[in-house]
């Protein structure tokens, strides 16, 4: 996975629907959201089904680390907007692993600005 591909997967998760999550999120994934707390796979996908999707997102101050083969970590600042809403800003981190059949998200965390 090259750097551009890694960032493309991350942005697609912000903008995509439940099908994207089912493709890209590992069944053992844990996500932490402000106001919600820690969530596991089934709750994550259900939340995506019910929540309005983001219309646009900008990922800035991007960092990408590869601590070992088959693993990469993203850290960045996000500015996301839903139709008719104000910008939601947060710091994020995401961790992906190579499953042999593709890259899967195993961790994602958001801290509001």
N, C-alpha and C. Protein backbone atom coordinates (compact mmCIF):
# COMPACT_ATOMS: atom_id res chain seq x y z
N UNK A 1 0.85 -1.18 0.00
CA UNK A 1 0.00 0.00 0.00
C UNK A 1 0.89 1.24 0.00
N UNK A 2 0.69 2.10 -0.99
CA UNK A 2 1.45 3.34 -1.00
C UNK A 2 0.71 4.40 -0.18
N UNK A 3 1.37 5.53 0.08
CA UNK A 3 0.80 6.57 0.93
C UNK A 3 -0.51 7.11 0.36
N UNK A 4 -0.56 7.38 -0.93
CA UNK A 4 -1.78 7.92 -1.54
C UNK A 4 -2.95 6.96 -1.37
N UNK A 5 -2.70 5.68 -1.54
CA UNK A 5 -3.74 4.68 -1.37
C UNK A 5 -4.25 4.61 0.06
N UNK A 6 -3.33 4.74 1.02
CA UNK A 6 -3.72 4.73 2.43
C UNK A 6 -4.65 5.89 2.75
N UNK A 7 -4.30 7.08 2.28
CA UNK A 7 -5.14 8.25 2.54
C UNK A 7 -6.46 8.16 1.79
N UNK A 8 -6.48 7.57 0.62
CA UNK A 8 -7.72 7.40 -0.15
C UNK A 8 -8.70 6.49 0.58
N UNK A 9 -8.20 5.41 1.18
CA UNK A 9 -9.07 4.51 1.95
C UNK A 9 -9.67 5.27 3.13
N UNK A 10 -8.84 6.04 3.83
CA UNK A 10 -9.32 6.78 5.00
C UNK A 10 -10.42 7.78 4.61
N UNK A 11 -10.19 8.54 3.55
CA UNK A 11 -11.19 9.52 3.12
C UNK A 11 -12.47 8.81 2.67
N UNK A 12 -12.35 7.69 2.01
CA UNK A 12 -13.52 6.94 1.57
C UNK A 12 -14.37 6.48 2.75
N UNK A 13 -13.75 6.18 3.89
CA UNK A 13 -14.53 5.79 5.06
C UNK A 13 -15.33 6.98 5.60
N UNK A 14 -14.77 8.17 5.56
CA UNK A 14 -15.52 9.36 5.98
C UNK A 14 -16.74 9.58 5.08
N UNK A 15 -16.57 9.39 3.79
CA UNK A 15 -17.61 9.76 2.83
C UNK A 15 -18.53 8.61 2.43
N UNK A 16 -18.09 7.39 2.65
CA UNK A 16 -18.84 6.22 2.20
C UNK A 16 -19.91 5.78 3.17
N UNK A 17 -20.73 4.88 2.71
CA UNK A 17 -21.81 4.34 3.50
C UNK A 17 -21.46 3.01 4.14
N UNK A 18 -22.46 2.28 4.61
CA UNK A 18 -22.23 1.01 5.30
C UNK A 18 -21.46 -0.01 4.47
N UNK A 19 -21.67 0.00 3.15
CA UNK A 19 -20.96 -0.97 2.30
C UNK A 19 -19.46 -0.75 2.38
N UNK A 20 -19.03 0.50 2.40
CA UNK A 20 -17.60 0.82 2.50
C UNK A 20 -17.05 0.30 3.82
N UNK A 21 -17.80 0.47 4.90
CA UNK A 21 -17.36 0.00 6.21
C UNK A 21 -17.27 -1.52 6.23
N UNK A 22 -18.25 -2.19 5.64
CA UNK A 22 -18.23 -3.64 5.61
C UNK A 22 -17.02 -4.15 4.83
N UNK A 23 -16.57 -3.40 3.83
CA UNK A 23 -15.39 -3.78 3.03
C UNK A 23 -14.09 -3.50 3.76
N UNK A 24 -14.01 -2.37 4.44
CA UNK A 24 -12.72 -1.84 4.90
C UNK A 24 -12.47 -1.94 6.40
N UNK A 25 -13.48 -2.28 7.19
CA UNK A 25 -13.33 -2.31 8.64
C UNK A 25 -13.23 -3.76 9.10
N UNK A 26 -12.18 -4.05 9.84
CA UNK A 26 -11.94 -5.39 10.38
C UNK A 26 -13.02 -5.72 11.43
N UNK A 27 -13.43 -6.96 11.50
CA UNK A 27 -14.46 -7.38 12.47
C UNK A 27 -13.98 -7.19 13.91
N UNK A 28 -12.66 -7.07 14.13
CA UNK A 28 -12.13 -6.84 15.47
C UNK A 28 -11.82 -5.37 15.73
N UNK A 29 -12.27 -4.48 14.86
CA UNK A 29 -11.99 -3.05 14.97
C UNK A 29 -12.64 -2.46 16.23
N UNK A 30 -11.93 -1.49 16.81
CA UNK A 30 -12.47 -0.69 17.90
C UNK A 30 -12.34 0.77 17.49
N UNK A 31 -13.44 1.52 17.64
CA UNK A 31 -13.44 2.95 17.36
C UNK A 31 -13.88 3.70 18.61
N UNK A 32 -13.32 4.90 18.79
CA UNK A 32 -13.68 5.74 19.93
C UNK A 32 -14.12 7.09 19.39
N UNK A 33 -15.36 7.48 19.75
CA UNK A 33 -15.94 8.73 19.29
C UNK A 33 -16.34 9.60 20.48
N UNK A 34 -16.17 10.92 20.35
CA UNK A 34 -16.61 11.81 21.42
C UNK A 34 -18.12 11.73 21.61
N UNK A 35 -18.54 11.70 22.85
CA UNK A 35 -19.97 11.65 23.15
C UNK A 35 -20.58 10.27 23.01
N UNK A 36 -19.85 9.33 22.42
CA UNK A 36 -20.35 7.96 22.23
C UNK A 36 -19.52 6.98 23.05
N UNK A 37 -18.21 7.09 22.94
CA UNK A 37 -17.31 6.17 23.61
C UNK A 37 -16.78 5.12 22.65
N UNK A 38 -16.41 3.97 23.20
CA UNK A 38 -15.83 2.88 22.42
C UNK A 38 -16.93 2.06 21.76
N UNK A 39 -16.68 1.70 20.50
CA UNK A 39 -17.63 0.90 19.73
C UNK A 39 -16.89 -0.23 19.03
N UNK A 40 -17.58 -1.36 18.87
CA UNK A 40 -17.04 -2.47 18.12
C UNK A 40 -17.80 -2.61 16.80
N UNK A 41 -17.38 -3.56 15.99
CA UNK A 41 -17.81 -3.66 14.59
C UNK A 41 -19.31 -3.52 14.36
N UNK A 42 -20.13 -4.36 14.99
CA UNK A 42 -21.57 -4.34 14.71
C UNK A 42 -22.19 -2.98 15.02
N UNK A 43 -21.79 -2.38 16.15
CA UNK A 43 -22.30 -1.06 16.52
C UNK A 43 -21.80 0.02 15.57
N UNK A 44 -20.57 -0.12 15.10
CA UNK A 44 -20.00 0.84 14.15
C UNK A 44 -20.82 0.84 12.86
N UNK A 45 -21.04 -0.32 12.29
CA UNK A 45 -21.77 -0.42 11.03
C UNK A 45 -23.22 0.06 11.21
N UNK A 46 -23.84 -0.27 12.31
CA UNK A 46 -25.21 0.19 12.57
C UNK A 46 -25.26 1.71 12.69
N UNK A 47 -24.30 2.29 13.36
CA UNK A 47 -24.24 3.76 13.49
C UNK A 47 -24.10 4.41 12.12
N UNK A 48 -23.27 3.84 11.26
CA UNK A 48 -23.09 4.38 9.91
C UNK A 48 -24.40 4.27 9.12
N UNK A 49 -25.12 3.20 9.31
CA UNK A 49 -26.41 3.04 8.61
C UNK A 49 -27.40 4.14 9.00
N UNK A 50 -27.36 4.56 10.27
CA UNK A 50 -28.36 5.50 10.78
C UNK A 50 -27.93 6.96 10.69
N UNK A 51 -26.65 7.25 10.76
CA UNK A 51 -26.17 8.64 10.78
C UNK A 51 -26.13 9.22 9.37
N UNK A 52 -26.43 10.51 9.23
CA UNK A 52 -26.26 11.14 7.92
C UNK A 52 -24.78 11.12 7.53
N UNK A 53 -24.50 10.88 6.27
CA UNK A 53 -23.12 10.78 5.81
C UNK A 53 -22.52 12.17 5.65
N UNK A 54 -21.21 12.23 5.67
CA UNK A 54 -20.48 13.46 5.46
C UNK A 54 -20.51 13.80 3.97
N UNK A 55 -20.73 15.07 3.68
CA UNK A 55 -20.73 15.53 2.28
C UNK A 55 -19.31 15.79 1.80
N UNK A 56 -18.44 16.20 2.71
CA UNK A 56 -17.06 16.52 2.35
C UNK A 56 -16.19 16.42 3.59
N UNK A 57 -14.93 16.11 3.39
CA UNK A 57 -13.96 16.09 4.49
C UNK A 57 -12.60 16.50 3.95
N UNK A 58 -11.89 17.29 4.74
CA UNK A 58 -10.51 17.66 4.43
C UNK A 58 -9.61 17.05 5.50
N UNK A 59 -8.61 16.33 5.08
CA UNK A 59 -7.64 15.72 5.99
C UNK A 59 -6.34 16.51 5.88
N UNK A 60 -5.95 17.18 6.96
CA UNK A 60 -4.74 18.01 6.94
C UNK A 60 -3.79 17.58 8.05
N UNK A 61 -2.63 18.20 8.08
CA UNK A 61 -1.58 17.88 9.07
C UNK A 61 -1.39 16.37 9.18
N UNK A 62 -1.31 15.75 8.02
CA UNK A 62 -1.28 14.29 7.92
C UNK A 62 0.08 13.69 8.28
N UNK A 63 0.02 12.59 8.99
CA UNK A 63 1.20 11.79 9.33
C UNK A 63 0.88 10.34 9.03
N UNK A 64 1.87 9.62 8.50
CA UNK A 64 1.71 8.20 8.22
C UNK A 64 2.95 7.48 8.75
N UNK A 65 2.72 6.46 9.55
CA UNK A 65 3.81 5.68 10.14
C UNK A 65 3.63 4.21 9.76
N UNK A 66 4.74 3.55 9.54
CA UNK A 66 4.72 2.11 9.25
C UNK A 66 5.61 1.41 10.30
N UNK A 67 5.05 1.13 11.49
CA UNK A 67 5.86 0.58 12.57
C UNK A 67 6.38 -0.83 12.32
N UNK A 68 5.73 -1.57 11.42
CA UNK A 68 6.20 -2.91 11.04
C UNK A 68 5.52 -3.29 9.73
N UNK A 69 6.03 -4.32 9.11
CA UNK A 69 5.44 -4.79 7.86
C UNK A 69 3.99 -5.19 8.11
N UNK A 70 3.13 -4.82 7.18
CA UNK A 70 1.73 -5.21 7.28
C UNK A 70 0.90 -4.35 8.22
N UNK A 71 1.43 -3.19 8.62
CA UNK A 71 0.72 -2.32 9.55
C UNK A 71 1.05 -0.88 9.23
N UNK A 72 0.03 0.00 9.19
CA UNK A 72 0.31 1.42 9.10
C UNK A 72 -0.66 2.20 9.96
N UNK A 73 -0.19 3.36 10.42
CA UNK A 73 -0.95 4.23 11.31
C UNK A 73 -1.04 5.61 10.68
N UNK A 74 -2.25 6.16 10.66
CA UNK A 74 -2.49 7.51 10.18
C UNK A 74 -2.85 8.40 11.36
N UNK A 75 -2.38 9.64 11.33
CA UNK A 75 -2.80 10.66 12.29
C UNK A 75 -3.02 11.94 11.49
N UNK A 76 -4.09 12.66 11.81
CA UNK A 76 -4.42 13.83 11.00
C UNK A 76 -5.48 14.68 11.70
N UNK A 77 -5.68 15.85 11.13
CA UNK A 77 -6.74 16.77 11.55
C UNK A 77 -7.82 16.70 10.47
N UNK A 78 -9.06 16.50 10.88
CA UNK A 78 -10.17 16.41 9.94
C UNK A 78 -11.10 17.62 10.09
N UNK A 79 -11.58 18.10 8.97
CA UNK A 79 -12.63 19.12 8.93
C UNK A 79 -13.71 18.55 8.02
N UNK A 80 -14.82 18.10 8.63
CA UNK A 80 -15.88 17.42 7.89
C UNK A 80 -17.17 18.22 7.95
N UNK A 81 -17.96 18.09 6.90
CA UNK A 81 -19.22 18.82 6.85
C UNK A 81 -20.32 17.92 6.30
N UNK A 82 -21.46 17.97 6.99
CA UNK A 82 -22.68 17.36 6.47
C UNK A 82 -23.50 18.47 5.81
N UNK A 83 -24.35 18.09 4.88
CA UNK A 83 -25.19 19.09 4.20
C UNK A 83 -25.94 19.93 5.23
N UNK A 84 -25.80 21.25 5.13
CA UNK A 84 -26.52 22.17 5.99
C UNK A 84 -25.98 22.32 7.40
N UNK A 85 -24.89 21.64 7.75
CA UNK A 85 -24.31 21.71 9.10
C UNK A 85 -23.02 22.50 9.11
N UNK A 86 -22.60 22.85 10.32
CA UNK A 86 -21.31 23.49 10.51
C UNK A 86 -20.20 22.46 10.37
N UNK A 87 -18.98 22.95 10.22
CA UNK A 87 -17.83 22.05 10.11
C UNK A 87 -17.58 21.38 11.46
N UNK A 88 -17.34 20.09 11.41
CA UNK A 88 -16.92 19.30 12.57
C UNK A 88 -15.42 19.11 12.46
N UNK A 89 -14.68 19.57 13.45
CA UNK A 89 -13.23 19.44 13.43
C UNK A 89 -12.75 18.50 14.52
N UNK A 90 -11.78 17.66 14.20
CA UNK A 90 -11.24 16.73 15.18
C UNK A 90 -9.84 16.27 14.76
N UNK A 91 -9.10 15.81 15.75
CA UNK A 91 -7.86 15.07 15.51
C UNK A 91 -8.23 13.60 15.46
N UNK A 92 -7.61 12.86 14.55
CA UNK A 92 -7.94 11.44 14.38
C UNK A 92 -6.67 10.59 14.30
N UNK A 93 -6.83 9.35 14.66
CA UNK A 93 -5.82 8.34 14.36
C UNK A 93 -6.54 7.09 13.89
N UNK A 94 -5.91 6.40 12.96
CA UNK A 94 -6.45 5.15 12.42
C UNK A 94 -5.30 4.18 12.20
N UNK A 95 -5.55 2.92 12.46
CA UNK A 95 -4.55 1.88 12.27
C UNK A 95 -5.12 0.81 11.35
N UNK A 96 -4.33 0.43 10.35
CA UNK A 96 -4.72 -0.58 9.37
C UNK A 96 -3.72 -1.73 9.39
N UNK A 97 -4.24 -2.93 9.11
CA UNK A 97 -3.36 -4.09 8.97
C UNK A 97 -3.66 -4.81 7.66
N UNK A 98 -2.62 -5.42 7.14
CA UNK A 98 -2.75 -6.21 5.92
C UNK A 98 -3.23 -7.60 6.31
N UNK A 99 -4.40 -7.97 5.83
CA UNK A 99 -4.98 -9.27 6.18
C UNK A 99 -4.58 -10.37 5.20
N UNK A 100 -3.83 -10.00 4.17
CA UNK A 100 -3.52 -10.94 3.11
C UNK A 100 -4.54 -10.87 2.00
N UNK A 101 -5.72 -10.34 2.31
CA UNK A 101 -6.76 -10.15 1.31
C UNK A 101 -7.08 -8.68 1.11
N UNK A 102 -6.30 -7.82 1.72
CA UNK A 102 -6.52 -6.38 1.63
C UNK A 102 -6.23 -5.72 2.97
N UNK A 103 -6.29 -4.41 2.98
CA UNK A 103 -6.03 -3.62 4.18
C UNK A 103 -7.33 -3.38 4.92
N UNK A 104 -7.32 -3.62 6.23
CA UNK A 104 -8.49 -3.46 7.07
C UNK A 104 -8.20 -2.51 8.23
N UNK A 105 -9.16 -1.65 8.52
CA UNK A 105 -9.07 -0.74 9.66
C UNK A 105 -9.27 -1.53 10.94
N UNK A 106 -8.35 -1.42 11.89
CA UNK A 106 -8.47 -2.12 13.17
C UNK A 106 -8.66 -1.16 14.35
N UNK A 107 -8.42 0.15 14.12
CA UNK A 107 -8.57 1.14 15.18
C UNK A 107 -8.81 2.50 14.57
N UNK A 108 -9.74 3.26 15.16
CA UNK A 108 -9.96 4.65 14.77
C UNK A 108 -10.40 5.41 16.00
N UNK A 109 -9.89 6.63 16.16
CA UNK A 109 -10.20 7.46 17.33
C UNK A 109 -10.34 8.90 16.88
N UNK A 110 -11.28 9.63 17.49
CA UNK A 110 -11.47 11.05 17.19
C UNK A 110 -11.46 11.85 18.49
N UNK A 111 -10.75 12.97 18.46
CA UNK A 111 -10.73 13.93 19.57
C UNK A 111 -11.17 15.28 19.02
N UNK A 112 -12.30 15.82 19.48
CA UNK A 112 -12.77 17.10 18.93
C UNK A 112 -11.76 18.22 19.15
N UNK A 113 -11.76 19.16 18.24
CA UNK A 113 -10.90 20.34 18.39
C UNK A 113 -11.48 21.25 19.45
